[in-house]
Amino acid sequence: MLRSLATKAAQTALVLLIVSMASFVFLKLAPGDPVSVMLGSDYSKDAYDKLYRDLGLDQPVARQYVDWVVRFVQGDWGTSYISSQNIFRMALLEALPVTLTLAALSLLIALAVGIPAGMAAALKRGSWVDVLATSLAIGGNAFPSFYLGIVLIWVFGVGLGWFPTLGFVAPWRDFWSGLWHLALPAITLGAWYVGLIATTTRSSLLDVLGQP
């Protein structure tokens, strides 16, 4: 078992290495100059050359990649060109808790709706309950999330004013306000999983009910 885990870990590391190398090369081939973006429209040649050297862009591409990998492993992910903030702090300390909270709430909604809907559809097979639950499941899988989010914002955020359209409040600081802000995004992300869970639950329960 340990050998299998070690093999899978090595394969994952190899895939990540190849993806990082490809991303790094494609970024280098992309048009544009990061130094010009950082300096703006008005800068001197000395300032350009200094920043160019400070960023290590005067080094060979292979050396730049190795330096980037070493810094990345050490937790030095650089600074954002747009906000001038530390990327490691933005990604792990600010963005990750928000992402995990939203993912957990969307999964909870999917389970709370999908399992009862699938059970009702299986127990009432062929009835209007089955048709309604199956239609909702198919609609949840077929409706694009990006469009569903826009519709929910337009109807419940702008039209009815029931939910906010912007902002985030951490539920661990203000529980009810946090849920209020997360409601529309969580429903948007959970809709697809509602259809998947409902369909799977219905199929599994029908198999069990059909057994002697």
N, C-alpha and C. Protein backbone atom coordinates (compact mmCIF):
# COMPACT_ATOMS: atom_id res chain seq x y z
N MET A 1 0.83 -1.21 0.00
CA MET A 1 0.00 0.00 0.00
C MET A 1 0.87 1.26 0.00
N LEU A 2 1.94 1.24 0.81
CA LEU A 2 2.84 2.38 0.85
C LEU A 2 3.51 2.60 -0.51
N ARG A 3 3.84 1.48 -1.17
CA ARG A 3 4.46 1.58 -2.49
C ARG A 3 3.50 2.20 -3.49
N SER A 4 2.22 1.81 -3.40
CA SER A 4 1.22 2.38 -4.30
C SER A 4 1.04 3.88 -4.05
N LEU A 5 1.00 4.28 -2.78
CA LEU A 5 0.88 5.70 -2.45
C LEU A 5 2.10 6.48 -2.94
N ALA A 6 3.28 5.89 -2.77
CA ALA A 6 4.50 6.56 -3.23
C ALA A 6 4.49 6.71 -4.75
N THR A 7 4.00 5.68 -5.45
CA THR A 7 3.93 5.76 -6.91
C THR A 7 2.98 6.84 -7.36
N LYS A 8 1.81 6.90 -6.72
CA LYS A 8 0.82 7.93 -7.08
C LYS A 8 1.35 9.33 -6.75
N ALA A 9 2.05 9.45 -5.63
CA ALA A 9 2.62 10.75 -5.27
C ALA A 9 3.67 11.18 -6.28
N ALA A 10 4.50 10.22 -6.73
CA ALA A 10 5.51 10.54 -7.73
C ALA A 10 4.88 10.93 -9.07
N GLN A 11 3.81 10.22 -9.44
CA GLN A 11 3.12 10.56 -10.68
C GLN A 11 2.49 11.95 -10.59
N THR A 12 1.90 12.26 -9.45
CA THR A 12 1.30 13.58 -9.26
C THR A 12 2.35 14.68 -9.33
N ALA A 13 3.50 14.44 -8.69
CA ALA A 13 4.58 15.42 -8.72
C ALA A 13 5.09 15.63 -10.14
N LEU A 14 5.18 14.53 -10.91
CA LEU A 14 5.64 14.64 -12.30
C LEU A 14 4.66 15.45 -13.14
N VAL A 15 3.37 15.18 -12.96
CA VAL A 15 2.36 15.93 -13.70
C VAL A 15 2.41 17.42 -13.35
N LEU A 16 2.53 17.71 -12.06
CA LEU A 16 2.61 19.12 -11.64
C LEU A 16 3.86 19.79 -12.22
N LEU A 17 4.97 19.04 -12.27
CA LEU A 17 6.20 19.60 -12.83
C LEU A 17 6.03 19.92 -14.31
N ILE A 18 5.42 19.00 -15.06
CA ILE A 18 5.21 19.22 -16.49
C ILE A 18 4.26 20.39 -16.73
N VAL A 19 3.19 20.45 -15.95
CA VAL A 19 2.23 21.55 -16.10
C VAL A 19 2.88 22.88 -15.77
N SER A 20 3.68 22.92 -14.72
CA SER A 20 4.34 24.17 -14.34
C SER A 20 5.34 24.63 -15.41
N MET A 21 6.06 23.67 -15.99
CA MET A 21 7.00 24.01 -17.06
C MET A 21 6.27 24.54 -18.29
N ALA A 22 5.18 23.87 -18.67
CA ALA A 22 4.42 24.33 -19.83
C ALA A 22 3.83 25.72 -19.58
N SER A 23 3.28 25.93 -18.39
CA SER A 23 2.70 27.23 -18.07
C SER A 23 3.76 28.33 -18.10
N PHE A 24 4.93 28.01 -17.57
CA PHE A 24 6.01 28.99 -17.52
C PHE A 24 6.47 29.36 -18.94
N VAL A 25 6.60 28.36 -19.80
CA VAL A 25 7.04 28.61 -21.18
C VAL A 25 5.99 29.39 -21.95
N PHE A 26 4.71 29.01 -21.80
CA PHE A 26 3.65 29.73 -22.51
C PHE A 26 3.55 31.17 -22.04
N LEU A 27 3.81 31.40 -20.75
CA LEU A 27 3.79 32.76 -20.24
C LEU A 27 4.91 33.59 -20.85
N LYS A 28 6.04 32.96 -21.06
CA LYS A 28 7.16 33.66 -21.68
C LYS A 28 6.88 33.97 -23.15
N LEU A 29 6.15 33.09 -23.81
CA LEU A 29 5.84 33.28 -25.22
C LEU A 29 4.69 34.25 -25.45
N ALA A 30 3.94 34.54 -24.41
CA ALA A 30 2.79 35.43 -24.56
C ALA A 30 3.26 36.86 -24.83
N PRO A 31 2.49 37.61 -25.62
CA PRO A 31 2.88 39.00 -25.89
C PRO A 31 2.73 39.86 -24.64
N GLY A 32 3.48 40.95 -24.61
CA GLY A 32 3.41 41.84 -23.46
C GLY A 32 4.70 41.87 -22.67
N ASP A 33 4.87 42.89 -21.88
CA ASP A 33 6.08 43.09 -21.10
C ASP A 33 5.68 43.40 -19.66
N PRO A 34 5.97 42.51 -18.72
CA PRO A 34 5.57 42.77 -17.33
C PRO A 34 6.24 44.00 -16.74
N VAL A 35 7.45 44.30 -17.19
CA VAL A 35 8.14 45.48 -16.66
C VAL A 35 7.41 46.75 -17.05
N SER A 36 6.96 46.84 -18.29
CA SER A 36 6.21 48.01 -18.74
C SER A 36 4.89 48.13 -18.00
N VAL A 37 4.26 46.98 -17.71
CA VAL A 37 3.00 47.00 -16.98
C VAL A 37 3.21 47.53 -15.57
N MET A 38 4.28 47.11 -14.92
CA MET A 38 4.55 47.53 -13.55
C MET A 38 4.96 48.99 -13.47
N LEU A 39 5.70 49.48 -14.45
CA LEU A 39 6.18 50.86 -14.42
C LEU A 39 5.15 51.86 -14.93
N GLY A 40 4.21 51.39 -15.72
CA GLY A 40 3.23 52.32 -16.28
C GLY A 40 3.69 52.89 -17.61
N SER A 41 3.12 54.02 -17.97
CA SER A 41 3.40 54.61 -19.28
C SER A 41 4.59 55.57 -19.27
N ASP A 42 4.99 56.04 -18.11
CA ASP A 42 6.06 57.05 -18.04
C ASP A 42 7.19 56.50 -17.17
N TYR A 43 8.31 56.15 -17.81
CA TYR A 43 9.46 55.63 -17.06
C TYR A 43 10.72 55.86 -17.89
N SER A 44 11.84 55.85 -17.19
CA SER A 44 13.13 56.04 -17.86
C SER A 44 13.75 54.69 -18.20
N LYS A 45 14.74 54.72 -19.07
CA LYS A 45 15.41 53.48 -19.46
C LYS A 45 16.17 52.88 -18.28
N ASP A 46 16.75 53.74 -17.43
CA ASP A 46 17.46 53.23 -16.26
C ASP A 46 16.52 52.50 -15.32
N ALA A 47 15.33 53.07 -15.11
CA ALA A 47 14.34 52.42 -14.25
C ALA A 47 13.89 51.09 -14.86
N TYR A 48 13.73 51.07 -16.17
CA TYR A 48 13.32 49.84 -16.85
C TYR A 48 14.40 48.76 -16.70
N ASP A 49 15.65 49.14 -16.94
CA ASP A 49 16.74 48.17 -16.85
C ASP A 49 16.92 47.65 -15.43
N LYS A 50 16.75 48.54 -14.45
CA LYS A 50 16.92 48.12 -13.06
C LYS A 50 15.84 47.11 -12.66
N LEU A 51 14.58 47.40 -12.98
CA LEU A 51 13.50 46.49 -12.64
C LEU A 51 13.62 45.19 -13.43
N TYR A 52 14.10 45.28 -14.64
CA TYR A 52 14.30 44.09 -15.48
C TYR A 52 15.31 43.14 -14.83
N ARG A 53 16.36 43.72 -14.27
CA ARG A 53 17.37 42.89 -13.58
C ARG A 53 16.84 42.40 -12.24
N ASP A 54 16.12 43.26 -11.53
CA ASP A 54 15.59 42.86 -10.22
C ASP A 54 14.63 41.67 -10.34
N LEU A 55 13.88 41.64 -11.41
CA LEU A 55 12.94 40.53 -11.62
C LEU A 55 13.63 39.28 -12.16
N GLY A 56 14.90 39.38 -12.49
CA GLY A 56 15.64 38.23 -13.00
C GLY A 56 15.35 37.91 -14.44
N LEU A 57 14.78 38.85 -15.18
CA LEU A 57 14.43 38.60 -16.57
C LEU A 57 15.65 38.61 -17.49
N ASP A 58 16.77 39.06 -16.98
CA ASP A 58 17.99 39.05 -17.79
C ASP A 58 18.68 37.68 -17.77
N GLN A 59 18.17 36.76 -16.94
CA GLN A 59 18.74 35.43 -16.85
C GLN A 59 18.14 34.51 -17.92
N PRO A 60 18.81 33.40 -18.25
CA PRO A 60 18.22 32.43 -19.18
C PRO A 60 16.89 31.88 -18.66
N VAL A 61 16.06 31.44 -19.58
CA VAL A 61 14.72 30.97 -19.20
C VAL A 61 14.80 29.80 -18.23
N ALA A 62 15.74 28.88 -18.46
CA ALA A 62 15.88 27.73 -17.56
C ALA A 62 16.24 28.18 -16.15
N ARG A 63 17.11 29.16 -16.03
CA ARG A 63 17.50 29.68 -14.71
C ARG A 63 16.31 30.38 -14.05
N GLN A 64 15.56 31.12 -14.83
CA GLN A 64 14.37 31.78 -14.28
C GLN A 64 13.37 30.75 -13.74
N TYR A 65 13.19 29.65 -14.47
CA TYR A 65 12.25 28.63 -14.02
C TYR A 65 12.71 27.97 -12.73
N VAL A 66 13.99 27.62 -12.66
CA VAL A 66 14.52 26.99 -11.44
C VAL A 66 14.37 27.93 -10.24
N ASP A 67 14.71 29.20 -10.44
CA ASP A 67 14.57 30.17 -9.35
C ASP A 67 13.12 30.29 -8.91
N TRP A 68 12.21 30.29 -9.88
CA TRP A 68 10.79 30.39 -9.55
C TRP A 68 10.32 29.18 -8.75
N VAL A 69 10.73 27.97 -9.16
CA VAL A 69 10.33 26.76 -8.45
C VAL A 69 10.85 26.77 -7.02
N VAL A 70 12.10 27.17 -6.84
CA VAL A 70 12.69 27.21 -5.49
C VAL A 70 11.93 28.20 -4.61
N ARG A 71 11.66 29.37 -5.13
CA ARG A 71 10.92 30.36 -4.34
C ARG A 71 9.50 29.90 -4.06
N PHE A 72 8.88 29.23 -5.03
CA PHE A 72 7.51 28.76 -4.84
C PHE A 72 7.43 27.73 -3.72
N VAL A 73 8.37 26.78 -3.71
CA VAL A 73 8.39 25.76 -2.67
C VAL A 73 8.63 26.39 -1.30
N GLN A 74 9.41 27.45 -1.26
CA GLN A 74 9.72 28.12 0.01
C GLN A 74 8.60 29.05 0.46
N GLY A 75 7.55 29.20 -0.34
CA GLY A 75 6.43 30.06 0.04
C GLY A 75 6.54 31.48 -0.47
N ASP A 76 7.55 31.76 -1.28
CA ASP A 76 7.70 33.08 -1.87
C ASP A 76 7.05 33.06 -3.25
N TRP A 77 5.78 33.47 -3.31
CA TRP A 77 5.02 33.42 -4.55
C TRP A 77 5.01 34.77 -5.27
N GLY A 78 5.78 35.69 -4.81
CA GLY A 78 5.89 36.98 -5.48
C GLY A 78 4.81 37.96 -5.05
N THR A 79 4.72 39.05 -5.80
CA THR A 79 3.80 40.14 -5.51
C THR A 79 2.91 40.39 -6.72
N SER A 80 1.64 40.64 -6.47
CA SER A 80 0.70 40.89 -7.55
C SER A 80 1.03 42.19 -8.26
N TYR A 81 1.01 42.16 -9.61
CA TYR A 81 1.26 43.37 -10.39
C TYR A 81 0.12 44.37 -10.22
N ILE A 82 -1.09 43.87 -9.94
CA ILE A 82 -2.27 44.74 -9.89
C ILE A 82 -2.46 45.36 -8.52
N SER A 83 -2.48 44.52 -7.48
CA SER A 83 -2.77 45.02 -6.13
C SER A 83 -1.52 45.26 -5.29
N SER A 84 -0.35 44.82 -5.79
CA SER A 84 0.91 44.96 -5.06
C SER A 84 0.88 44.26 -3.70
N GLN A 85 0.10 43.20 -3.59
CA GLN A 85 0.01 42.43 -2.35
C GLN A 85 0.74 41.10 -2.52
N ASN A 86 1.12 40.52 -1.39
CA ASN A 86 1.80 39.24 -1.39
C ASN A 86 0.84 38.15 -1.87
N ILE A 87 1.23 37.41 -2.92
CA ILE A 87 0.33 36.43 -3.52
C ILE A 87 0.10 35.26 -2.59
N PHE A 88 1.11 34.83 -1.83
CA PHE A 88 0.94 33.72 -0.89
C PHE A 88 -0.12 34.07 0.15
N ARG A 89 -0.06 35.28 0.66
CA ARG A 89 -1.04 35.70 1.65
C ARG A 89 -2.44 35.80 1.03
N MET A 90 -2.50 36.33 -0.18
CA MET A 90 -3.80 36.47 -0.84
C MET A 90 -4.43 35.10 -1.12
N ALA A 91 -3.60 34.13 -1.57
CA ALA A 91 -4.13 32.84 -1.99
C ALA A 91 -4.51 31.96 -0.81
N LEU A 92 -3.65 31.85 0.20
CA LEU A 92 -3.87 30.91 1.28
C LEU A 92 -4.57 31.52 2.49
N LEU A 93 -4.25 32.74 2.82
CA LEU A 93 -4.82 33.32 4.03
C LEU A 93 -6.10 34.11 3.79
N GLU A 94 -6.30 34.57 2.57
CA GLU A 94 -7.49 35.36 2.27
C GLU A 94 -8.48 34.63 1.36
N ALA A 95 -7.99 34.09 0.25
CA ALA A 95 -8.89 33.48 -0.73
C ALA A 95 -9.31 32.05 -0.34
N LEU A 96 -8.39 31.26 0.21
CA LEU A 96 -8.69 29.86 0.51
C LEU A 96 -9.83 29.69 1.52
N PRO A 97 -9.85 30.42 2.64
CA PRO A 97 -10.99 30.26 3.56
C PRO A 97 -12.33 30.59 2.90
N VAL A 98 -12.35 31.60 2.05
CA VAL A 98 -13.59 31.96 1.35
C VAL A 98 -14.02 30.84 0.42
N THR A 99 -13.06 30.28 -0.32
CA THR A 99 -13.37 29.20 -1.26
C THR A 99 -13.88 27.96 -0.53
N LEU A 100 -13.22 27.58 0.56
CA LEU A 100 -13.64 26.39 1.30
C LEU A 100 -15.02 26.59 1.93
N THR A 101 -15.29 27.78 2.44
CA THR A 101 -16.60 28.05 3.02
C THR A 101 -17.70 27.96 1.98
N LEU A 102 -17.46 28.55 0.82
CA LEU A 102 -18.45 28.51 -0.26
C LEU A 102 -18.65 27.07 -0.75
N ALA A 103 -17.56 26.32 -0.89
CA ALA A 103 -17.68 24.93 -1.35
C ALA A 103 -18.45 24.08 -0.34
N ALA A 104 -18.19 24.27 0.95
CA ALA A 104 -18.89 23.50 1.98
C ALA A 104 -20.38 23.80 1.99
N LEU A 105 -20.74 25.08 1.88
CA LEU A 105 -22.15 25.44 1.90
C LEU A 105 -22.87 24.94 0.66
N SER A 106 -22.23 25.03 -0.51
CA SER A 106 -22.85 24.54 -1.74
C SER A 106 -23.05 23.03 -1.68
N LEU A 107 -22.07 22.30 -1.11
CA LEU A 107 -22.22 20.86 -0.97
C LEU A 107 -23.33 20.51 0.02
N LEU A 108 -23.45 21.28 1.09
CA LEU A 108 -24.52 21.05 2.07
C LEU A 108 -25.89 21.25 1.43
N ILE A 109 -26.02 22.30 0.62
CA ILE A 109 -27.29 22.54 -0.08
C ILE A 109 -27.58 21.41 -1.05
N ALA A 110 -26.57 20.95 -1.76
CA ALA A 110 -26.77 19.86 -2.72
C ALA A 110 -27.23 18.59 -2.04
N LEU A 111 -26.64 18.26 -0.89
CA LEU A 111 -27.04 17.06 -0.16
C LEU A 111 -28.43 17.21 0.44
N ALA A 112 -28.73 18.39 0.99
CA ALA A 112 -30.02 18.61 1.64
C ALA A 112 -31.17 18.58 0.66
N VAL A 113 -30.91 18.93 -0.60
CA VAL A 113 -31.98 18.95 -1.61
C VAL A 113 -31.93 17.70 -2.47
N GLY A 114 -30.74 17.27 -2.87
CA GLY A 114 -30.62 16.18 -3.81
C GLY A 114 -31.05 14.83 -3.26
N ILE A 115 -30.67 14.51 -2.02
CA ILE A 115 -31.01 13.21 -1.45
C ILE A 115 -32.52 13.07 -1.24
N PRO A 116 -33.21 14.03 -0.59
CA PRO A 116 -34.68 13.89 -0.47
C PRO A 116 -35.39 13.87 -1.81
N ALA A 117 -34.91 14.67 -2.78
CA ALA A 117 -35.55 14.67 -4.10
C ALA A 117 -35.39 13.32 -4.78
N GLY A 118 -34.21 12.72 -4.70
CA GLY A 118 -34.00 11.41 -5.30
C GLY A 118 -34.81 10.32 -4.62
N MET A 119 -34.92 10.38 -3.30
CA MET A 119 -35.72 9.40 -2.57
C MET A 119 -37.20 9.53 -2.91
N ALA A 120 -37.69 10.77 -2.96
CA ALA A 120 -39.10 10.98 -3.30
C ALA A 120 -39.40 10.49 -4.71
N ALA A 121 -38.48 10.75 -5.65
CA ALA A 121 -38.69 10.31 -7.02
C ALA A 121 -38.73 8.78 -7.13
N ALA A 122 -37.89 8.10 -6.35
CA ALA A 122 -37.86 6.64 -6.39
C ALA A 122 -39.08 6.03 -5.72
N LEU A 123 -39.48 6.58 -4.59
CA LEU A 123 -40.63 6.04 -3.87
C LEU A 123 -41.94 6.31 -4.58
N LYS A 124 -42.00 7.41 -5.33
CA LYS A 124 -43.20 7.78 -6.08
C LYS A 124 -42.94 7.65 -7.58
N ARG A 125 -42.37 6.55 -7.96
CA ARG A 125 -41.97 6.36 -9.35
C ARG A 125 -43.18 6.43 -10.29
N GLY A 126 -43.04 7.24 -11.33
CA GLY A 126 -44.11 7.39 -12.31
C GLY A 126 -45.13 8.45 -11.96
N SER A 127 -45.07 9.02 -10.76
CA SER A 127 -46.04 10.03 -10.35
C SER A 127 -45.52 11.42 -10.72
N TRP A 128 -46.32 12.43 -10.39
CA TRP A 128 -45.91 13.81 -10.67
C TRP A 128 -44.70 14.20 -9.83
N VAL A 129 -44.55 13.57 -8.66
CA VAL A 129 -43.39 13.84 -7.83
C VAL A 129 -42.12 13.38 -8.53
N ASP A 130 -42.19 12.21 -9.15
CA ASP A 130 -41.04 11.69 -9.90
C ASP A 130 -40.72 12.58 -11.09
N VAL A 131 -41.75 13.01 -11.80
CA VAL A 131 -41.53 13.88 -12.97
C VAL A 131 -40.92 15.21 -12.55
N LEU A 132 -41.44 15.79 -11.45
CA LEU A 132 -40.94 17.07 -10.98
C LEU A 132 -39.49 16.96 -10.51
N ALA A 133 -39.19 15.93 -9.72
CA ALA A 133 -37.83 15.76 -9.21
C ALA A 133 -36.85 15.47 -10.34
N THR A 134 -37.27 14.64 -11.30
CA THR A 134 -36.40 14.33 -12.43
C THR A 134 -36.17 15.56 -13.30
N SER A 135 -37.21 16.35 -13.49
CA SER A 135 -37.06 17.57 -14.29
C SER A 135 -36.11 18.55 -13.62
N LEU A 136 -36.24 18.69 -12.30
CA LEU A 136 -35.33 19.58 -11.57
C LEU A 136 -33.89 19.08 -11.64
N ALA A 137 -33.72 17.75 -11.57
CA ALA A 137 -32.37 17.19 -11.64
C ALA A 137 -31.75 17.43 -13.01
N ILE A 138 -32.53 17.19 -14.06
CA ILE A 138 -32.02 17.41 -15.42
C ILE A 138 -31.74 18.90 -15.64
N GLY A 139 -32.65 19.74 -15.16
CA GLY A 139 -32.44 21.18 -15.31
C GLY A 139 -31.21 21.67 -14.56
N GLY A 140 -30.97 21.12 -13.37
CA GLY A 140 -29.79 21.51 -12.62
C GLY A 140 -28.50 21.12 -13.31
N ASN A 141 -28.52 19.95 -13.98
CA ASN A 141 -27.31 19.52 -14.70
C ASN A 141 -27.12 20.27 -16.01
N ALA A 142 -28.22 20.66 -16.64
CA ALA A 142 -28.13 21.27 -17.97
C ALA A 142 -27.95 22.78 -17.92
N PHE A 143 -28.36 23.43 -16.85
CA PHE A 143 -28.31 24.89 -16.78
C PHE A 143 -26.89 25.34 -16.47
N PRO A 144 -26.28 26.15 -17.31
CA PRO A 144 -24.90 26.60 -17.04
C PRO A 144 -24.82 27.42 -15.76
N SER A 145 -23.81 27.15 -14.96
CA SER A 145 -23.68 27.83 -13.67
C SER A 145 -23.49 29.33 -13.83
N PHE A 146 -22.69 29.74 -14.83
CA PHE A 146 -22.43 31.16 -15.00
C PHE A 146 -23.71 31.91 -15.36
N TYR A 147 -24.60 31.27 -16.11
CA TYR A 147 -25.86 31.93 -16.47
C TYR A 147 -26.85 31.88 -15.32
N LEU A 148 -26.88 30.76 -14.59
CA LEU A 148 -27.75 30.66 -13.42
C LEU A 148 -27.40 31.72 -12.39
N GLY A 149 -26.10 31.96 -12.19
CA GLY A 149 -25.69 33.00 -11.25
C GLY A 149 -26.19 34.37 -11.65
N ILE A 150 -26.11 34.69 -12.94
CA ILE A 150 -26.60 35.98 -13.43
C ILE A 150 -28.11 36.10 -13.22
N VAL A 151 -28.83 35.02 -13.51
CA VAL A 151 -30.29 35.04 -13.33
C VAL A 151 -30.66 35.24 -11.87
N LEU A 152 -29.99 34.53 -10.97
CA LEU A 152 -30.29 34.66 -9.54
C LEU A 152 -29.98 36.07 -9.04
N ILE A 153 -28.86 36.64 -9.50
CA ILE A 153 -28.53 38.00 -9.10
C ILE A 153 -29.58 38.98 -9.61
N TRP A 154 -29.98 38.81 -10.86
CA TRP A 154 -30.94 39.74 -11.47
C TRP A 154 -32.31 39.66 -10.80
N VAL A 155 -32.76 38.44 -10.48
CA VAL A 155 -34.10 38.27 -9.92
C VAL A 155 -34.12 38.56 -8.42
N PHE A 156 -33.26 37.86 -7.67
CA PHE A 156 -33.33 37.94 -6.20
C PHE A 156 -32.44 39.03 -5.61
N GLY A 157 -31.43 39.46 -6.36
CA GLY A 157 -30.57 40.52 -5.85
C GLY A 157 -30.98 41.90 -6.30
N VAL A 158 -31.17 42.07 -7.62
CA VAL A 158 -31.52 43.38 -8.17
C VAL A 158 -33.02 43.61 -8.14
N GLY A 159 -33.78 42.61 -8.66
CA GLY A 159 -35.22 42.79 -8.76
C GLY A 159 -35.93 42.82 -7.42
N LEU A 160 -35.80 41.77 -6.64
CA LEU A 160 -36.49 41.67 -5.35
C LEU A 160 -35.69 42.27 -4.20
N GLY A 161 -34.39 42.35 -4.34
CA GLY A 161 -33.56 42.92 -3.29
C GLY A 161 -33.44 42.06 -2.05
N TRP A 162 -33.65 40.75 -2.19
CA TRP A 162 -33.60 39.87 -1.04
C TRP A 162 -32.17 39.54 -0.60
N PHE A 163 -31.25 39.52 -1.55
CA PHE A 163 -29.88 39.12 -1.25
C PHE A 163 -28.91 40.15 -1.82
N PRO A 164 -27.75 40.29 -1.20
CA PRO A 164 -26.73 41.22 -1.73
C PRO A 164 -26.11 40.68 -3.01
N THR A 165 -25.70 41.58 -3.86
CA THR A 165 -25.08 41.20 -5.14
C THR A 165 -23.56 41.26 -5.09
N LEU A 166 -22.99 41.85 -4.07
CA LEU A 166 -21.54 41.97 -3.93
C LEU A 166 -21.14 41.75 -2.48
N GLY A 167 -19.85 41.50 -2.28
CA GLY A 167 -19.30 41.46 -0.93
C GLY A 167 -19.27 40.06 -0.34
N PHE A 168 -18.51 39.95 0.75
CA PHE A 168 -18.40 38.70 1.49
C PHE A 168 -18.27 39.01 2.96
N VAL A 169 -19.02 38.29 3.77
CA VAL A 169 -18.93 38.40 5.23
C VAL A 169 -18.63 37.00 5.76
N ALA A 170 -17.57 36.87 6.55
CA ALA A 170 -17.17 35.57 7.07
C ALA A 170 -18.23 35.05 8.05
N PRO A 171 -18.76 33.85 7.83
CA PRO A 171 -19.76 33.31 8.77
C PRO A 171 -19.23 33.12 10.17
N TRP A 172 -17.91 32.91 10.33
CA TRP A 172 -17.37 32.74 11.68
C TRP A 172 -17.29 34.06 12.44
N ARG A 173 -17.53 35.16 11.76
CA ARG A 173 -17.59 36.47 12.42
C ARG A 173 -19.03 36.92 12.62
N ASP A 174 -19.84 36.78 11.59
CA ASP A 174 -21.26 37.12 11.67
C ASP A 174 -22.01 36.02 10.91
N PHE A 175 -22.55 35.05 11.64
CA PHE A 175 -23.07 33.83 11.02
C PHE A 175 -24.21 34.13 10.05
N TRP A 176 -25.23 34.83 10.49
CA TRP A 176 -26.41 35.04 9.64
C TRP A 176 -26.11 35.96 8.48
N SER A 177 -25.33 36.99 8.71
CA SER A 177 -24.95 37.87 7.61
C SER A 177 -24.07 37.14 6.60
N GLY A 178 -23.20 36.25 7.10
CA GLY A 178 -22.37 35.46 6.21
C GLY A 178 -23.19 34.54 5.33
N LEU A 179 -24.19 33.85 5.91
CA LEU A 179 -25.06 33.00 5.12
C LEU A 179 -25.86 33.81 4.11
N TRP A 180 -26.26 35.01 4.50
CA TRP A 180 -27.02 35.89 3.60
C TRP A 180 -26.20 36.25 2.37
N HIS A 181 -24.93 36.53 2.56
CA HIS A 181 -24.06 36.88 1.44
C HIS A 181 -23.68 35.64 0.61
N LEU A 182 -23.64 34.47 1.23
CA LEU A 182 -23.21 33.26 0.52
C LEU A 182 -24.35 32.53 -0.16
N ALA A 183 -25.59 32.94 0.09
CA ALA A 183 -26.75 32.18 -0.38
C ALA A 183 -26.76 32.01 -1.90
N LEU A 184 -26.72 33.10 -2.63
CA LEU A 184 -26.79 33.02 -4.09
C LEU A 184 -25.60 32.29 -4.71
N PRO A 185 -24.36 32.59 -4.30
CA PRO A 185 -23.24 31.82 -4.87
C PRO A 185 -23.31 30.33 -4.54
N ALA A 186 -23.74 29.99 -3.32
CA ALA A 186 -23.82 28.58 -2.93
C ALA A 186 -24.90 27.85 -3.72
N ILE A 187 -26.04 28.49 -3.93
CA ILE A 187 -27.10 27.88 -4.73
C ILE A 187 -26.63 27.68 -6.17
N THR A 188 -25.92 28.67 -6.69
CA THR A 188 -25.42 28.57 -8.06
C THR A 188 -24.48 27.39 -8.23
N LEU A 189 -23.55 27.22 -7.30
CA LEU A 189 -22.59 26.12 -7.41
C LEU A 189 -23.22 24.78 -7.05
N GLY A 190 -24.20 24.78 -6.16
CA GLY A 190 -24.80 23.52 -5.72
C GLY A 190 -25.86 22.98 -6.64
N ALA A 191 -26.37 23.80 -7.58
CA ALA A 191 -27.46 23.35 -8.44
C ALA A 191 -27.07 22.14 -9.27
N TRP A 192 -25.85 22.16 -9.82
CA TRP A 192 -25.41 21.03 -10.65
C TRP A 192 -25.30 19.76 -9.82
N TYR A 193 -24.80 19.88 -8.61
CA TYR A 193 -24.65 18.70 -7.75
C TYR A 193 -25.99 18.20 -7.23
N VAL A 194 -26.97 19.10 -7.12
CA VAL A 194 -28.31 18.65 -6.75
C VAL A 194 -28.83 17.67 -7.79
N GLY A 195 -28.69 18.01 -9.06
CA GLY A 195 -29.13 17.10 -10.11
C GLY A 195 -28.38 15.79 -10.10
N LEU A 196 -27.06 15.85 -9.91
CA LEU A 196 -26.25 14.64 -9.89
C LEU A 196 -26.62 13.74 -8.72
N ILE A 197 -26.74 14.32 -7.53
CA ILE A 197 -27.06 13.53 -6.33
C ILE A 197 -28.47 12.97 -6.42
N ALA A 198 -29.43 13.77 -6.89
CA ALA A 198 -30.80 13.30 -7.01
C ALA A 198 -30.91 12.14 -7.99
N THR A 199 -30.25 12.26 -9.14
CA THR A 199 -30.29 11.19 -10.14
C THR A 199 -29.65 9.92 -9.61
N THR A 200 -28.50 10.05 -8.94
CA THR A 200 -27.80 8.88 -8.40
C THR A 200 -28.62 8.23 -7.29
N THR A 201 -29.20 9.03 -6.42
CA THR A 201 -30.01 8.49 -5.31
C THR A 201 -31.24 7.76 -5.85
N ARG A 202 -31.89 8.35 -6.83
CA ARG A 202 -33.08 7.70 -7.42
C ARG A 202 -32.72 6.36 -8.04
N SER A 203 -31.65 6.33 -8.83
CA SER A 203 -31.25 5.09 -9.48
C SER A 203 -30.86 4.01 -8.48
N SER A 204 -30.09 4.39 -7.45
CA SER A 204 -29.66 3.42 -6.44
C SER A 204 -30.84 2.88 -5.64
N LEU A 205 -31.76 3.77 -5.28
CA LEU A 205 -32.90 3.33 -4.47
C LEU A 205 -33.84 2.45 -5.28
N LEU A 206 -34.00 2.72 -6.57
CA LEU A 206 -34.83 1.86 -7.42
C LEU A 206 -34.23 0.47 -7.53
N ASP A 207 -32.89 0.39 -7.60
CA ASP A 207 -32.24 -0.92 -7.64
C ASP A 207 -32.50 -1.69 -6.36
N VAL A 208 -32.44 -1.01 -5.23
CA VAL A 208 -32.67 -1.68 -3.95
C VAL A 208 -34.14 -2.11 -3.82
N LEU A 209 -35.06 -1.24 -4.23
CA LEU A 209 -36.48 -1.58 -4.12
C LEU A 209 -36.87 -2.71 -5.07
N GLY A 210 -36.11 -2.90 -6.13
CA GLY A 210 -36.42 -3.97 -7.06
C GLY A 210 -35.87 -5.32 -6.67
N GLN A 211 -35.08 -5.37 -5.61
CA GLN A 211 -34.53 -6.64 -5.17
C GLN A 211 -35.55 -7.43 -4.37
N PRO A 212 -35.44 -8.78 -4.33
CA PRO A 212 -36.36 -9.61 -3.53
C PRO A 212 -36.30 -9.24 -2.06
